[in-house]
Amino acid sequence: MKCKPQQSKKSTNSNNKMSILDRKPQQSSFSRTEHQIHSACDQMSLLLRAIQDVQVRAQRATKRQQDFTAKSLEMRVQVLQGVYNMYYEFCRQKADLLVQLEEQQSEVIPDDLLLQD
């Protein structure tokens, strides 16, 4: 089951555009989400390095016919890949949320106000 991020239902105008006063929480949410994505990407790069290291160890154990050690390391690789996949899915969901926040922000801020910030 996929989780969908909840959208803000605040609306002051009849055409569902948010007021400029609602812009600050949107920017805060946007920067928080960006930070979460960057942190998750850092963890993913560390996980990739760990996966590669354990895979090398498993291959060496297989060559040396250390079956028990090789199986143990292969299982560890699978667990690390599962954690990596969870981070990947988290980043994908947060990226979708960023797109939604950008769309909401573009509705809130006219182009001429962007130049004033």
Protein backbone atom coordinates (compact mmCIF):
# COMPACT_ATOMS: atom_id res chain seq x y z
CA MET A 1 0.00 0.00 0.00
CA LYS A 2 1.42 3.38 -1.01
CA CYS A 3 1.24 6.33 1.33
CA LYS A 4 0.33 9.63 -0.22
CA PRO A 5 1.45 12.85 1.43
CA GLN A 6 -1.41 14.88 2.78
CA GLN A 7 -2.02 18.20 1.13
CA SER A 8 -2.73 21.37 3.01
CA LYS A 9 -6.39 22.31 2.81
CA LYS A 10 -5.93 25.96 3.79
CA SER A 11 -7.63 28.22 1.33
CA THR A 12 -8.55 31.88 1.60
CA ASN A 13 -9.65 32.56 -1.97
CA SER A 14 -12.50 30.98 -3.83
CA ASN A 15 -10.12 29.78 -6.58
CA ASN A 16 -8.13 27.57 -4.11
CA LYS A 17 -5.01 29.74 -4.17
CA MET A 18 -3.26 30.16 -0.85
CA SER A 19 -2.65 33.62 0.54
CA ILE A 20 0.81 35.11 0.72
CA LEU A 21 0.61 34.78 4.52
CA ASP A 22 0.61 30.99 4.12
CA ARG A 23 3.88 31.14 2.19
CA LYS A 24 6.21 30.93 5.21
CA PRO A 25 5.04 27.47 6.42
CA GLN A 26 5.27 26.23 2.83
CA GLN A 27 8.89 27.40 2.55
CA SER A 28 9.71 25.80 5.88
CA SER A 29 8.15 22.52 4.79
CA PHE A 30 9.98 22.76 1.47
CA SER A 31 13.40 23.27 3.06
CA ARG A 32 12.74 20.54 5.66
CA THR A 33 11.82 18.10 2.91
CA GLU A 34 14.92 19.04 0.91
CA HIS A 35 17.07 18.44 3.99
CA GLN A 36 15.46 15.04 4.54
CA ILE A 37 16.19 14.06 0.94
CA HIS A 38 19.83 15.15 1.19
CA SER A 39 20.28 13.25 4.44
CA ALA A 40 18.72 10.13 2.97
CA CYS A 41 20.97 10.39 -0.10
CA ASP A 42 24.02 10.60 2.16
CA GLN A 43 22.89 7.43 3.93
CA MET A 44 22.25 5.73 0.58
CA SER A 45 25.80 6.43 -0.57
CA LEU A 46 27.14 4.97 2.69
CA LEU A 47 24.93 1.91 2.23
CA LEU A 48 26.15 1.41 -1.34
CA ARG A 49 29.74 1.42 -0.11
CA ALA A 50 28.87 -1.09 2.64
CA ILE A 51 27.06 -3.31 0.12
CA GLN A 52 30.08 -3.30 -2.18
CA ASP A 53 32.43 -4.14 0.70
CA VAL A 54 30.30 -7.04 1.92
CA GLN A 55 29.88 -8.35 -1.63
CA VAL A 56 33.67 -8.44 -2.06
CA ARG A 57 34.01 -10.30 1.22
CA ALA A 58 31.32 -12.79 0.14
CA GLN A 59 33.06 -13.40 -3.18
CA ARG A 60 36.37 -14.03 -1.43
CA ALA A 61 34.70 -16.44 1.01
CA THR A 62 33.14 -18.30 -1.93
CA LYS A 63 36.52 -18.61 -3.66
CA ARG A 64 38.04 -19.99 -0.47
CA GLN A 65 35.15 -22.44 -0.18
CA GLN A 66 34.01 -21.01 3.13
CA ASP A 67 30.36 -21.77 2.48
CA PHE A 68 28.97 -20.78 5.87
CA THR A 69 30.75 -17.42 5.83
CA ALA A 70 29.76 -16.78 2.22
CA LYS A 71 26.08 -17.49 2.93
CA SER A 72 26.16 -15.28 6.00
CA LEU A 73 27.68 -12.42 4.03
CA GLU A 74 25.22 -12.88 1.16
CA MET A 75 22.36 -12.59 3.63
CA ARG A 76 23.92 -9.42 5.02
CA VAL A 77 24.09 -8.01 1.48
CA GLN A 78 20.38 -8.75 1.02
CA VAL A 79 19.52 -6.97 4.26
CA LEU A 80 21.61 -3.94 3.29
CA GLN A 81 19.95 -3.87 -0.13
CA GLY A 82 16.55 -3.92 1.56
CA VAL A 83 17.50 -0.95 3.73
CA TYR A 84 18.83 0.82 0.63
CA ASN A 85 15.51 0.19 -1.13
CA MET A 86 13.62 1.65 1.83
CA TYR A 87 15.72 4.83 1.64
CA TYR A 88 15.13 4.94 -2.12
CA GLU A 89 11.36 4.71 -1.66
CA PHE A 90 11.51 7.38 1.05
CA CYS A 91 13.39 9.72 -1.32
CA ARG A 92 10.91 9.04 -4.10
CA GLN A 93 7.98 9.92 -1.86
CA LYS A 94 9.70 13.07 -0.61
CA ALA A 95 10.52 14.08 -4.19
CA ASP A 96 6.83 13.74 -5.05
CA LEU A 97 6.03 15.91 -2.04
CA LEU A 98 8.55 18.52 -3.23
CA VAL A 99 6.85 18.65 -6.61
CA GLN A 100 3.51 19.21 -4.91
CA LEU A 101 4.97 21.93 -2.68
CA GLU A 102 6.53 23.65 -5.69
CA GLU A 103 3.19 23.58 -7.48
CA GLN A 104 1.45 25.02 -4.43
CA GLN A 105 4.13 27.68 -4.04
CA SER A 106 3.86 28.70 -7.68
CA GLU A 107 0.13 29.21 -7.13
CA VAL A 108 0.81 31.36 -4.07
CA ILE A 109 3.62 33.57 -5.33
CA PRO A 110 3.18 35.51 -8.55
CA ASP A 111 6.35 35.82 -10.64
CA ASP A 112 6.81 39.52 -9.87
CA LEU A 113 6.90 38.80 -6.10
CA LEU A 114 9.66 36.23 -6.56
CA LEU A 115 12.03 38.98 -7.66
CA GLN A 116 11.41 41.00 -4.49
CA ASP A 117 12.64 38.28 -2.07
